[in-house]
PDB file of N, CA and C in Angstrom:
ATOM      1  N   MET A   1     -35.214   4.546  -6.044  1.00  0.00           N
ATOM      2  CA  MET A   1     -34.054   3.732  -5.713  1.00  0.00           C
ATOM      3  C   MET A   1     -34.456   2.257  -5.837  1.00  0.00           C
ATOM      4  N   ASN A   2     -33.642   1.505  -6.547  1.00  0.00           N
ATOM      5  CA  ASN A   2     -33.869   0.069  -6.658  1.00  0.00           C
ATOM      6  C   ASN A   2     -33.350  -0.622  -5.419  1.00  0.00           C
ATOM      7  N   GLN A   3     -34.160  -1.484  -4.852  1.00  0.00           N
ATOM      8  CA  GLN A   3     -33.734  -2.228  -3.674  1.00  0.00           C
ATOM      9  C   GLN A   3     -33.250  -3.610  -4.071  1.00  0.00           C
ATOM     10  N   ILE A   4     -32.291  -4.109  -3.302  1.00  0.00           N
ATOM     11  CA  ILE A   4     -31.820  -5.480  -3.483  1.00  0.00           C
ATOM     12  C   ILE A   4     -32.132  -6.243  -2.205  1.00  0.00           C
ATOM     13  N   THR A   5     -32.073  -7.544  -2.299  1.00  0.00           N
ATOM     14  CA  THR A   5     -32.310  -8.364  -1.113  1.00  0.00           C
ATOM     15  C   THR A   5     -31.006  -8.520  -0.327  1.00  0.00           C
ATOM     16  N   TYR A   6     -31.136  -8.973   0.884  1.00  0.00           N
ATOM     17  CA  TYR A   6     -29.952  -9.259   1.699  1.00  0.00           C
ATOM     18  C   TYR A   6     -29.098 -10.323   1.017  1.00  0.00           C
ATOM     19  N   GLU A   7     -29.748 -11.278   0.374  1.00  0.00           N
ATOM     20  CA  GLU A   7     -29.018 -12.331  -0.333  1.00  0.00           C
ATOM     21  C   GLU A   7     -28.206 -11.742  -1.485  1.00  0.00           C
ATOM     22  N   ASP A   8     -28.747 -10.729  -2.170  1.00  0.00           N
ATOM     23  CA  ASP A   8     -27.987 -10.049  -3.218  1.00  0.00           C
ATOM     24  C   ASP A   8     -26.752  -9.379  -2.620  1.00  0.00           C
ATOM     25  N   PHE A   9     -26.931  -8.694  -1.502  1.00  0.00           N
ATOM     26  CA  PHE A   9     -25.818  -8.012  -0.841  1.00  0.00           C
ATOM     27  C   PHE A   9     -24.732  -9.009  -0.431  1.00  0.00           C
ATOM     28  N   GLN A  10     -25.137 -10.171   0.038  1.00  0.00           N
ATOM     29  CA  GLN A  10     -24.169 -11.186   0.470  1.00  0.00           C
ATOM     30  C   GLN A  10     -23.300 -11.683  -0.677  1.00  0.00           C
ATOM     31  N   LYS A  11     -23.729 -11.512  -1.904  1.00  0.00           N
ATOM     32  CA  LYS A  11     -22.939 -11.933  -3.060  1.00  0.00           C
ATOM     33  C   LYS A  11     -21.728 -11.039  -3.283  1.00  0.00           C
ATOM     34  N   LEU A  12     -21.778  -9.801  -2.780  1.00  0.00           N
ATOM     35  CA  LEU A  12     -20.666  -8.867  -2.957  1.00  0.00           C
ATOM     36  C   LEU A  12     -19.516  -9.249  -2.042  1.00  0.00           C
ATOM     37  N   GLN A  13     -18.329  -9.354  -2.608  1.00  0.00           N
ATOM     38  CA  GLN A  13     -17.134  -9.613  -1.808  1.00  0.00           C
ATOM     39  C   GLN A  13     -16.292  -8.342  -1.816  1.00  0.00           C
ATOM     40  N   ILE A  14     -16.363  -7.603  -0.723  1.00  0.00           N
ATOM     41  CA  ILE A  14     -15.626  -6.360  -0.582  1.00  0.00           C
ATOM     42  C   ILE A  14     -14.541  -6.583   0.456  1.00  0.00           C
ATOM     43  N   LYS A  15     -13.314  -6.283   0.080  1.00  0.00           N
ATOM     44  CA  LYS A  15     -12.166  -6.488   0.974  1.00  0.00           C
ATOM     45  C   LYS A  15     -11.335  -5.210   1.051  1.00  0.00           C
ATOM     46  N   ILE A  16     -10.541  -5.131   2.098  1.00  0.00           N
ATOM     47  CA  ILE A  16      -9.592  -4.026   2.222  1.00  0.00           C
ATOM     48  C   ILE A  16      -8.315  -4.407   1.489  1.00  0.00           C
ATOM     49  N   ALA A  17      -7.821  -3.471   0.682  1.00  0.00           N
ATOM     50  CA  ALA A  17      -6.590  -3.681  -0.069  1.00  0.00           C
ATOM     51  C   ALA A  17      -5.669  -2.489   0.149  1.00  0.00           C
ATOM     52  N   THR A  18      -4.371  -2.743   0.015  1.00  0.00           N
ATOM     53  CA  THR A  18      -3.377  -1.678   0.064  1.00  0.00           C
ATOM     54  C   THR A  18      -2.873  -1.427  -1.351  1.00  0.00           C
ATOM     55  N   ILE A  19      -2.817  -0.165  -1.740  1.00  0.00           N
ATOM     56  CA  ILE A  19      -2.309   0.202  -3.060  1.00  0.00           C
ATOM     57  C   ILE A  19      -0.784   0.138  -3.016  1.00  0.00           C
ATOM     58  N   THR A  20      -0.204  -0.757  -3.806  1.00  0.00           N
ATOM     59  CA  THR A  20       1.248  -0.958  -3.801  1.00  0.00           C
ATOM     60  C   THR A  20       1.936  -0.278  -4.981  1.00  0.00           C
ATOM     61  N   ALA A  21       1.163   0.039  -6.022  1.00  0.00           N
ATOM     62  CA  ALA A  21       1.708   0.750  -7.187  1.00  0.00           C
ATOM     63  C   ALA A  21       0.558   1.475  -7.870  1.00  0.00           C
ATOM     64  N   ALA A  22       0.883   2.607  -8.487  1.00  0.00           N
ATOM     65  CA  ALA A  22      -0.126   3.377  -9.211  1.00  0.00           C
ATOM     66  C   ALA A  22       0.558   4.112 -10.350  1.00  0.00           C
ATOM     67  N   GLU A  23      -0.099   4.130 -11.495  1.00  0.00           N
ATOM     68  CA  GLU A  23       0.453   4.843 -12.646  1.00  0.00           C
ATOM     69  C   GLU A  23      -0.680   5.277 -13.567  1.00  0.00           C
ATOM     70  N   LYS A  24      -0.433   6.353 -14.312  1.00  0.00           N
ATOM     71  CA  LYS A  24      -1.402   6.800 -15.298  1.00  0.00           C
ATOM     72  C   LYS A  24      -1.436   5.806 -16.458  1.00  0.00           C
ATOM     73  N   VAL A  25      -2.588   5.691 -17.078  1.00  0.00           N
ATOM     74  CA  VAL A  25      -2.747   4.820 -18.240  1.00  0.00           C
ATOM     75  C   VAL A  25      -2.494   5.658 -19.484  1.00  0.00           C
ATOM     76  N   ASP A  26      -1.543   5.221 -20.300  1.00  0.00           N
ATOM     77  CA  ASP A  26      -1.225   5.934 -21.541  1.00  0.00           C
ATOM     78  C   ASP A  26      -2.470   6.080 -22.404  1.00  0.00           C
ATOM     79  N   GLY A  27      -2.689   7.293 -22.904  1.00  0.00           N
ATOM     80  CA  GLY A  27      -3.809   7.547 -23.786  1.00  0.00           C
ATOM     81  C   GLY A  27      -5.099   7.894 -23.072  1.00  0.00           C
ATOM     82  N   SER A  28      -5.071   7.958 -21.749  1.00  0.00           N
ATOM     83  CA  SER A  28      -6.278   8.289 -20.990  1.00  0.00           C
ATOM     84  C   SER A  28      -5.993   9.439 -20.032  1.00  0.00           C
ATOM     85  N   ASN A  29      -6.937  10.354 -19.928  1.00  0.00           N
ATOM     86  CA  ASN A  29      -6.820  11.446 -18.965  1.00  0.00           C
ATOM     87  C   ASN A  29      -7.400  11.073 -17.613  1.00  0.00           C
ATOM     88  N   LYS A  30      -8.293  10.069 -17.578  1.00  0.00           N
ATOM     89  CA  LYS A  30      -9.021   9.737 -16.361  1.00  0.00           C
ATOM     90  C   LYS A  30      -8.513   8.507 -15.629  1.00  0.00           C
ATOM     91  N   LEU A  31      -7.901   7.585 -16.348  1.00  0.00           N
ATOM     92  CA  LEU A  31      -7.622   6.277 -15.753  1.00  0.00           C
ATOM     93  C   LEU A  31      -6.271   6.188 -15.050  1.00  0.00           C
ATOM     94  N   LEU A  32      -6.309   5.538 -13.897  1.00  0.00           N
ATOM     95  CA  LEU A  32      -5.093   5.116 -13.200  1.00  0.00           C
ATOM     96  C   LEU A  32      -5.096   3.607 -13.115  1.00  0.00           C
ATOM     97  N   LYS A  33      -3.921   3.024 -13.308  1.00  0.00           N
ATOM     98  CA  LYS A  33      -3.736   1.590 -13.128  1.00  0.00           C
ATOM     99  C   LYS A  33      -3.191   1.395 -11.721  1.00  0.00           C
ATOM    100  N   LEU A  34      -3.959   0.712 -10.885  1.00  0.00           N
ATOM    101  CA  LEU A  34      -3.578   0.480  -9.495  1.00  0.00           C
ATOM    102  C   LEU A  34      -3.240  -0.990  -9.294  1.00  0.00           C
ATOM    103  N   THR A  35      -2.152  -1.252  -8.613  1.00  0.00           N
ATOM    104  CA  THR A  35      -1.822  -2.609  -8.195  1.00  0.00           C
ATOM    105  C   THR A  35      -2.151  -2.688  -6.717  1.00  0.00           C
ATOM    106  N   LEU A  36      -2.955  -3.679  -6.361  1.00  0.00           N
ATOM    107  CA  LEU A  36      -3.464  -3.801  -5.001  1.00  0.00           C
ATOM    108  C   LEU A  36      -3.010  -5.095  -4.356  1.00  0.00           C
ATOM    109  N   ASN A  37      -2.713  -5.022  -3.072  1.00  0.00           N
ATOM    110  CA  ASN A  37      -2.501  -6.211  -2.260  1.00  0.00           C
ATOM    111  C   ASN A  37      -3.807  -6.456  -1.525  1.00  0.00           C
ATOM    112  N   CYS A  38      -4.502  -7.535  -1.914  1.00  0.00           N
ATOM    113  CA  CYS A  38      -5.797  -7.866  -1.318  1.00  0.00           C
ATOM    114  C   CYS A  38      -5.681  -9.009  -0.311  1.00  0.00           C
ATOM    115  N   GLY A  39      -4.471  -9.266   0.185  1.00  0.00           N
ATOM    116  CA  GLY A  39      -4.285 -10.318   1.191  1.00  0.00           C
ATOM    117  C   GLY A  39      -3.355 -11.402   0.721  1.00  0.00           C
ATOM    118  N   LYS A  40      -3.046 -12.306   1.652  1.00  0.00           N
ATOM    119  CA  LYS A  40      -2.042 -13.345   1.365  1.00  0.00           C
ATOM    120  C   LYS A  40      -2.429 -14.252   0.204  1.00  0.00           C
ATOM    121  N   ASP A  41      -3.730 -14.453  -0.030  1.00  0.00           N
ATOM    122  CA  ASP A  41      -4.164 -15.291  -1.145  1.00  0.00           C
ATOM    123  C   ASP A  41      -4.331 -14.501  -2.443  1.00  0.00           C
ATOM    124  N   ASP A  42      -4.173 -13.179  -2.369  1.00  0.00           N
ATOM    125  CA  ASP A  42      -4.395 -12.310  -3.523  1.00  0.00           C
ATOM    126  C   ASP A  42      -3.475 -11.086  -3.417  1.00  0.00           C
ATOM    127  N   PRO A  43      -2.139 -11.323  -3.471  1.00  0.00           N
ATOM    128  CA  PRO A  43      -1.194 -10.243  -3.179  1.00  0.00           C
ATOM    129  C   PRO A  43      -0.961  -9.237  -4.307  1.00  0.00           C
ATOM    130  N   GLU A  44      -1.448  -9.519  -5.518  1.00  0.00           N
ATOM    131  CA  GLU A  44      -1.211  -8.585  -6.621  1.00  0.00           C
ATOM    132  C   GLU A  44      -2.382  -8.610  -7.596  1.00  0.00           C
ATOM    133  N   ARG A  45      -3.246  -7.624  -7.488  1.00  0.00           N
ATOM    134  CA  ARG A  45      -4.435  -7.519  -8.332  1.00  0.00           C
ATOM    135  C   ARG A  45      -4.399  -6.151  -9.014  1.00  0.00           C
ATOM    136  N   VAL A  46      -4.656  -6.117 -10.311  1.00  0.00           N
ATOM    137  CA  VAL A  46      -4.675  -4.856 -11.067  1.00  0.00           C
ATOM    138  C   VAL A  46      -6.122  -4.392 -11.212  1.00  0.00           C
ATOM    139  N   VAL A  47      -6.331  -3.124 -10.873  1.00  0.00           N
ATOM    140  CA  VAL A  47      -7.646  -2.498 -10.990  1.00  0.00           C
ATOM    141  C   VAL A  47      -7.456  -1.142 -11.665  1.00  0.00           C
ATOM    142  N   LEU A  48      -8.293  -0.854 -12.645  1.00  0.00           N
ATOM    143  CA  LEU A  48      -8.293   0.467 -13.260  1.00  0.00           C
ATOM    144  C   LEU A  48      -9.367   1.314 -12.595  1.00  0.00           C
ATOM    145  N   SER A  49      -9.055   2.580 -12.407  1.00  0.00           N
ATOM    146  CA  SER A  49     -10.007   3.485 -11.772  1.00  0.00           C
ATOM    147  C   SER A  49      -9.956   4.857 -12.452  1.00  0.00           C
ATOM    148  N   GLY A  50     -11.122   5.432 -12.670  1.00  0.00           N
ATOM    149  CA  GLY A  50     -11.229   6.731 -13.338  1.00  0.00           C
ATOM    150  C   GLY A  50     -11.080   7.900 -12.390  1.00  0.00           C
ATOM    151  N   ILE A  51      -9.979   7.925 -11.635  1.00  0.00           N
ATOM    152  CA  ILE A  51      -9.783   8.958 -10.609  1.00  0.00           C
ATOM    153  C   ILE A  51      -8.572   9.844 -10.877  1.00  0.00           C
ATOM    154  N   ALA A  52      -7.972   9.735 -12.054  1.00  0.00           N
ATOM    155  CA  ALA A  52      -6.720  10.454 -12.341  1.00  0.00           C
ATOM    156  C   ALA A  52      -6.877  11.972 -12.326  1.00  0.00           C
ATOM    157  N   ASN A  53      -8.073  12.470 -12.551  1.00  0.00           N
ATOM    158  CA  ASN A  53      -8.286  13.913 -12.492  1.00  0.00           C
ATOM    159  C   ASN A  53      -8.344  14.443 -11.063  1.00  0.00           C
ATOM    160  N   HIS A  54      -8.370  13.543 -10.098  1.00  0.00           N
ATOM    161  CA  HIS A  54      -8.541  13.945  -8.702  1.00  0.00           C
ATOM    162  C   HIS A  54      -7.423  13.471  -7.777  1.00  0.00           C
ATOM    163  N   TYR A  55      -6.672  12.468  -8.213  1.00  0.00           N
ATOM    164  CA  TYR A  55      -5.593  11.903  -7.393  1.00  0.00           C
ATOM    165  C   TYR A  55      -4.364  11.664  -8.259  1.00  0.00           C
ATOM    166  N   THR A  56      -3.197  11.933  -7.700  1.00  0.00           N
ATOM    167  CA  THR A  56      -1.958  11.597  -8.393  1.00  0.00           C
ATOM    168  C   THR A  56      -1.555  10.180  -7.998  1.00  0.00           C
ATOM    169  N   PRO A  57      -0.830   9.491  -8.867  1.00  0.00           N
ATOM    170  CA  PRO A  57      -0.373   8.152  -8.493  1.00  0.00           C
ATOM    171  C   PRO A  57       0.413   8.154  -7.184  1.00  0.00           C
ATOM    172  N   GLU A  58       1.269   9.154  -7.002  1.00  0.00           N
ATOM    173  CA  GLU A  58       2.114   9.206  -5.801  1.00  0.00           C
ATOM    174  C   GLU A  58       1.286   9.344  -4.523  1.00  0.00           C
ATOM    175  N   SER A  59       0.165  10.056  -4.598  1.00  0.00           N
ATOM    176  CA  SER A  59      -0.655  10.281  -3.399  1.00  0.00           C
ATOM    177  C   SER A  59      -1.394   9.031  -2.948  1.00  0.00           C
ATOM    178  N   LEU A  60      -1.450   8.010  -3.809  1.00  0.00           N
ATOM    179  CA  LEU A  60      -2.213   6.812  -3.496  1.00  0.00           C
ATOM    180  C   LEU A  60      -1.378   5.683  -2.909  1.00  0.00           C
ATOM    181  N   LEU A  61      -0.069   5.754  -3.064  1.00  0.00           N
ATOM    182  CA  LEU A  61       0.782   4.656  -2.594  1.00  0.00           C
ATOM    183  C   LEU A  61       0.604   4.415  -1.102  1.00  0.00           C
ATOM    184  N   LYS A  62       0.455   3.147  -0.759  1.00  0.00           N
ATOM    185  CA  LYS A  62       0.299   2.660   0.611  1.00  0.00           C
ATOM    186  C   LYS A  62      -1.036   3.009   1.251  1.00  0.00           C
ATOM    187  N   LYS A  63      -1.953   3.598   0.492  1.00  0.00           N
ATOM    188  CA  LYS A  63      -3.294   3.858   1.012  1.00  0.00           C
ATOM    189  C   LYS A  63      -4.078   2.560   1.018  1.00  0.00           C
ATOM    190  N   GLN A  64      -4.958   2.434   1.992  1.00  0.00           N
ATOM    191  CA  GLN A  64      -5.844   1.282   2.044  1.00  0.00           C
ATOM    192  C   GLN A  64      -7.218   1.714   1.560  1.00  0.00           C
ATOM    193  N   VAL A  65      -7.839   0.857   0.753  1.00  0.00           N
ATOM    194  CA  VAL A  65      -9.136   1.168   0.167  1.00  0.00           C
ATOM    195  C   VAL A  65     -10.001  -0.090   0.146  1.00  0.00           C
ATOM    196  N   PRO A  66     -11.329   0.090   0.177  1.00  0.00           N
ATOM    197  CA  PRO A  66     -12.212  -1.060  -0.036  1.00  0.00           C
ATOM    198  C   PRO A  66     -12.294  -1.357  -1.528  1.00  0.00           C
ATOM    199  N   VAL A  67     -12.292  -2.633  -1.867  1.00  0.00           N
ATOM    200  CA  VAL A  67     -12.348  -3.028  -3.277  1.00  0.00           C
ATOM    201  C   VAL A  67     -13.345  -4.177  -3.435  1.00  0.00           C
ATOM    202  N   LEU A  68     -14.179  -4.057  -4.456  1.00  0.00           N
ATOM    203  CA  LEU A  68     -15.098  -5.129  -4.817  1.00  0.00           C
ATOM    204  C   LEU A  68     -14.295  -6.121  -5.640  1.00  0.00           C
ATOM    205  N   VAL A  69     -14.076  -7.315  -5.096  1.00  0.00           N
ATOM    206  CA  VAL A  69     -13.153  -8.258  -5.736  1.00  0.00           C
ATOM    207  C   VAL A  69     -13.841  -9.290  -6.625  1.00  0.00           C
ATOM    208  N   ASN A  70     -15.162  -9.458  -6.486  1.00  0.00           N
ATOM    209  CA  ASN A  70     -15.796 -10.502  -7.288  1.00  0.00           C
ATOM    210  C   ASN A  70     -16.646  -9.957  -8.437  1.00  0.00           C
ATOM    211  N   ILE A  71     -16.334  -8.748  -8.878  1.00  0.00           N
ATOM    212  CA  ILE A  71     -16.959  -8.227 -10.087  1.00  0.00           C
ATOM    213  C   ILE A  71     -16.228  -8.847 -11.289  1.00  0.00           C
ATOM    214  N   ALA A  72     -16.943  -9.096 -12.357  1.00  0.00           N
ATOM    215  CA  ALA A  72     -16.340  -9.726 -13.535  1.00  0.00           C
ATOM    216  C   ALA A  72     -15.217  -8.839 -14.086  1.00  0.00           C
ATOM    217  N   PRO A  73     -14.107  -9.448 -14.523  1.00  0.00           N
ATOM    218  CA  PRO A  73     -13.020  -8.675 -15.117  1.00  0.00           C
ATOM    219  C   PRO A  73     -13.512  -7.908 -16.340  1.00  0.00           C
ATOM    220  N   ARG A  74     -12.864  -6.770 -16.578  1.00  0.00           N
ATOM    221  CA  ARG A  74     -13.241  -5.939 -17.724  1.00  0.00           C
ATOM    222  C   ARG A  74     -11.975  -5.384 -18.355  1.00  0.00           C
ATOM    223  N   LYS A  75     -11.866  -5.510 -19.666  1.00  0.00           N
ATOM    224  CA  LYS A  75     -10.705  -4.986 -20.371  1.00  0.00           C
ATOM    225  C   LYS A  75     -10.996  -3.555 -20.797  1.00  0.00           C
ATOM    226  N   ILE A  76     -10.118  -2.645 -20.358  1.00  0.00           N
ATOM    227  CA  ILE A  76     -10.262  -1.230 -20.672  1.00  0.00           C
ATOM    228  C   ILE A  76      -8.932  -0.750 -21.225  1.00  0.00           C
ATOM    229  N   MET A  77      -8.960  -0.174 -22.406  1.00  0.00           N
ATOM    230  CA  MET A  77      -7.740   0.321 -23.065  1.00  0.00           C
ATOM    231  C   MET A  77      -6.642  -0.745 -23.102  1.00  0.00           C
ATOM    232  N   GLY A  78      -7.058  -1.976 -23.310  1.00  0.00           N
ATOM    233  CA  GLY A  78      -6.110  -3.072 -23.441  1.00  0.00           C
ATOM    234  C   GLY A  78      -5.592  -3.641 -22.136  1.00  0.00           C
ATOM    235  N   ILE A  79      -6.083  -3.138 -21.006  1.00  0.00           N
ATOM    236  CA  ILE A  79      -5.634  -3.611 -19.696  1.00  0.00           C
ATOM    237  C   ILE A  79      -6.820  -4.257 -18.991  1.00  0.00           C
ATOM    238  N   GLU A  80      -6.606  -5.457 -18.436  1.00  0.00           N
ATOM    239  CA  GLU A  80      -7.679  -6.131 -17.717  1.00  0.00           C
ATOM    240  C   GLU A  80      -7.763  -5.614 -16.289  1.00  0.00           C
ATOM    241  N   SER A  81      -8.947  -5.128 -15.927  1.00  0.00           N
ATOM    242  CA  SER A  81      -9.213  -4.649 -14.574  1.00  0.00           C
ATOM    243  C   SER A  81      -9.949  -5.745 -13.819  1.00  0.00           C
ATOM    244  N   ASN A  82      -9.432  -6.089 -12.641  1.00  0.00           N
ATOM    245  CA  ASN A  82      -9.972  -7.200 -11.858  1.00  0.00           C
ATOM    246  C   ASN A  82     -10.495  -6.723 -10.514  1.00  0.00           C
ATOM    247  N   GLY A  83     -11.433  -5.807 -10.557  1.00  0.00           N
ATOM    248  CA  GLY A  83     -12.044  -5.314  -9.335  1.00  0.00           C
ATOM    249  C   GLY A  83     -12.470  -3.877  -9.505  1.00  0.00           C
ATOM    250  N   MET A  84     -13.013  -3.326  -8.430  1.00  0.00           N
ATOM    251  CA  MET A  84     -13.467  -1.941  -8.442  1.00  0.00           C
ATOM    252  C   MET A  84     -13.245  -1.348  -7.056  1.00  0.00           C
ATOM    253  N   ILE A  85     -12.453  -0.271  -6.990  1.00  0.00           N
ATOM    254  CA  ILE A  85     -12.298   0.390  -5.703  1.00  0.00           C
ATOM    255  C   ILE A  85     -13.569   1.184  -5.433  1.00  0.00           C
ATOM    256  N   LEU A  86     -13.919   1.309  -4.170  1.00  0.00           N
ATOM    257  CA  LEU A  86     -15.144   2.002  -3.797  1.00  0.00           C
ATOM    258  C   LEU A  86     -14.828   3.420  -3.352  1.00  0.00           C
ATOM    259  N   CYS A  87     -15.584   4.348  -3.872  1.00  0.00           N
ATOM    260  CA  CYS A  87     -15.434   5.774  -3.561  1.00  0.00           C
ATOM    261  C   CYS A  87     -16.801   6.345  -3.238  1.00  0.00           C
ATOM    262  N   ALA A  88     -16.801   7.429  -2.492  1.00  0.00           N
ATOM    263  CA  ALA A  88     -18.006   8.233  -2.360  1.00  0.00           C
ATOM    264  C   ALA A  88     -18.048   9.157  -3.575  1.00  0.00           C
ATOM    265  N   ASP A  89     -19.218   9.646  -3.905  1.00  0.00           N
ATOM    266  CA  ASP A  89     -19.371  10.549  -5.045  1.00  0.00           C
ATOM    267  C   ASP A  89     -19.987  11.834  -4.526  1.00  0.00           C
ATOM    268  N   GLU A  90     -19.218  12.907  -4.617  1.00  0.00           N
ATOM    269  CA  GLU A  90     -19.733  14.215  -4.211  1.00  0.00           C
ATOM    270  C   GLU A  90     -19.608  15.169  -5.380  1.00  0.00           C
ATOM    271  N   ASN A  91     -20.742  15.514  -5.968  1.00  0.00           N
ATOM    272  CA  ASN A  91     -20.766  16.412  -7.127  1.00  0.00           C
ATOM    273  C   ASN A  91     -19.865  15.899  -8.246  1.00  0.00           C
ATOM    274  N   ASP A  92     -19.970  14.611  -8.543  1.00  0.00           N
ATOM    275  CA  ASP A  92     -19.176  13.946  -9.581  1.00  0.00           C
ATOM    276  C   ASP A  92     -17.685  13.905  -9.276  1.00  0.00           C
ATOM    277  N   GLU A  93     -17.302  14.131  -8.043  1.00  0.00           N
ATOM    278  CA  GLU A  93     -15.901  14.003  -7.632  1.00  0.00           C
ATOM    279  C   GLU A  93     -15.756  12.744  -6.786  1.00  0.00           C
ATOM    280  N   PRO A  94     -14.860  11.830  -7.193  1.00  0.00           N
ATOM    281  CA  PRO A  94     -14.662  10.622  -6.384  1.00  0.00           C
ATOM    282  C   PRO A  94     -13.878  10.944  -5.113  1.00  0.00           C
ATOM    283  N   ILE A  95     -14.377  10.469  -4.000  1.00  0.00           N
ATOM    284  CA  ILE A  95     -13.710  10.645  -2.717  1.00  0.00           C
ATOM    285  C   ILE A  95     -13.363   9.249  -2.208  1.00  0.00           C
ATOM    286  N   LEU A  96     -12.068   8.954  -2.120  1.00  0.00           N
ATOM    287  CA  LEU A  96     -11.654   7.634  -1.658  1.00  0.00           C
ATOM    288  C   LEU A  96     -12.060   7.415  -0.208  1.00  0.00           C
ATOM    289  N   LEU A  97     -12.375   6.183   0.108  1.00  0.00           N
ATOM    290  CA  LEU A  97     -12.733   5.782   1.462  1.00  0.00           C
ATOM    291  C   LEU A  97     -11.551   5.044   2.065  1.00  0.00           C
ATOM    292  N   TYR A  98     -11.208   5.390   3.302  1.00  0.00           N
ATOM    293  CA  TYR A  98     -10.067   4.765   3.975  1.00  0.00           C
ATOM    294  C   TYR A  98     -10.488   4.258   5.352  1.00  0.00           C
ATOM    295  N   PRO A  99      -9.918   3.144   5.797  1.00  0.00           N
ATOM    296  CA  PRO A  99     -10.144   2.751   7.194  1.00  0.00           C
ATOM    297  C   PRO A  99      -9.472   3.776   8.116  1.00  0.00           C
ATOM    298  N   GLU A 100     -10.017   3.973   9.296  1.00  0.00           N
ATOM    299  CA  GLU A 100      -9.445   4.965  10.210  1.00  0.00           C
ATOM    300  C   GLU A 100      -8.137   4.498  10.839  1.00  0.00           C
ATOM    301  N   LYS A 101      -7.852   3.200  10.765  1.00  0.00           N
ATOM    302  CA  LYS A 101      -6.569   2.674  11.223  1.00  0.00           C
ATOM    303  C   LYS A 101      -6.189   1.514  10.317  1.00  0.00           C
ATOM    304  N   TYR A 102      -4.941   1.044  10.435  1.00  0.00           N
ATOM    305  CA  TYR A 102      -4.475  -0.049   9.580  1.00  0.00           C
ATOM    306  C   TYR A 102      -5.376  -1.266   9.742  1.00  0.00           C
ATOM    307  N   VAL A 103      -5.720  -1.869   8.610  1.00  0.00           N
ATOM    308  CA  VAL A 103      -6.517  -3.089   8.571  1.00  0.00           C
ATOM    309  C   VAL A 103      -5.736  -4.096   7.748  1.00  0.00           C
ATOM    310  N   LYS A 104      -5.693  -5.327   8.203  1.00  0.00           N
ATOM    311  CA  LYS A 104      -4.987  -6.376   7.482  1.00  0.00           C
ATOM    312  C   LYS A 104      -5.581  -6.542   6.081  1.00  0.00           C
ATOM    313  N   GLU A 105      -4.712  -6.585   5.074  1.00  0.00           N
ATOM    314  CA  GLU A 105      -5.158  -6.772   3.698  1.00  0.00           C
ATOM    315  C   GLU A 105      -5.982  -8.041   3.577  1.00  0.00           C
ATOM    316  N   GLY A 106      -7.067  -7.944   2.843  1.00  0.00           N
ATOM    317  CA  GLY A 106      -7.958  -9.088   2.660  1.00  0.00           C
ATOM    318  C   GLY A 106      -9.086  -9.130   3.669  1.00  0.00           C
ATOM    319  N   SER A 107      -9.064  -8.225   4.661  1.00  0.00           N
ATOM    320  CA  SER A 107     -10.172  -8.204   5.631  1.00  0.00           C
ATOM    321  C   SER A 107     -11.470  -7.891   4.905  1.00  0.00           C
ATOM    322  N   LYS A 108     -12.526  -8.581   5.298  1.00  0.00           N
ATOM    323  CA  LYS A 108     -13.829  -8.393   4.669  1.00  0.00           C
ATOM    324  C   LYS A 108     -14.479  -7.108   5.165  1.00  0.00           C
ATOM    325  N   VAL A 109     -15.150  -6.427   4.252  1.00  0.00           N
ATOM    326  CA  VAL A 109     -15.971  -5.268   4.591  1.00  0.00           C
ATOM    327  C   VAL A 109     -17.395  -5.776   4.678  1.00  0.00           C
ATOM    328  N   ARG A 110     -18.054  -5.438   5.767  1.00  0.00           N
ATOM    329  CA  ARG A 110     -19.450  -5.872   5.926  1.00  0.00           C
ATOM    330  C   ARG A 110     -20.277  -4.799   6.548  1.00  0.00           C
TER     331      ARG A 110
END
């Protein structure tokens, strides 16, 4: 396992976001296009996630998830993804992580 320093960890900006819209990406079996509310200063952020084989768009609406917001944007299938939702990985199956109660959008994860 590669170790990072505490200073490296501090560079990560992970916030709680609410999924406000979700749809399958045309031409992809794995990708979902998620629209996230990451707080009052970031109310609409698009993130692509390879979870379509495990979650339907309808099942994700209004769910809260942790999202890495300061990862460099990446264009996938012509759509710019501006973040990465965090999941657990169990036998190559993504398991979404949720707060146990409502958390204000934009709250920092630490």
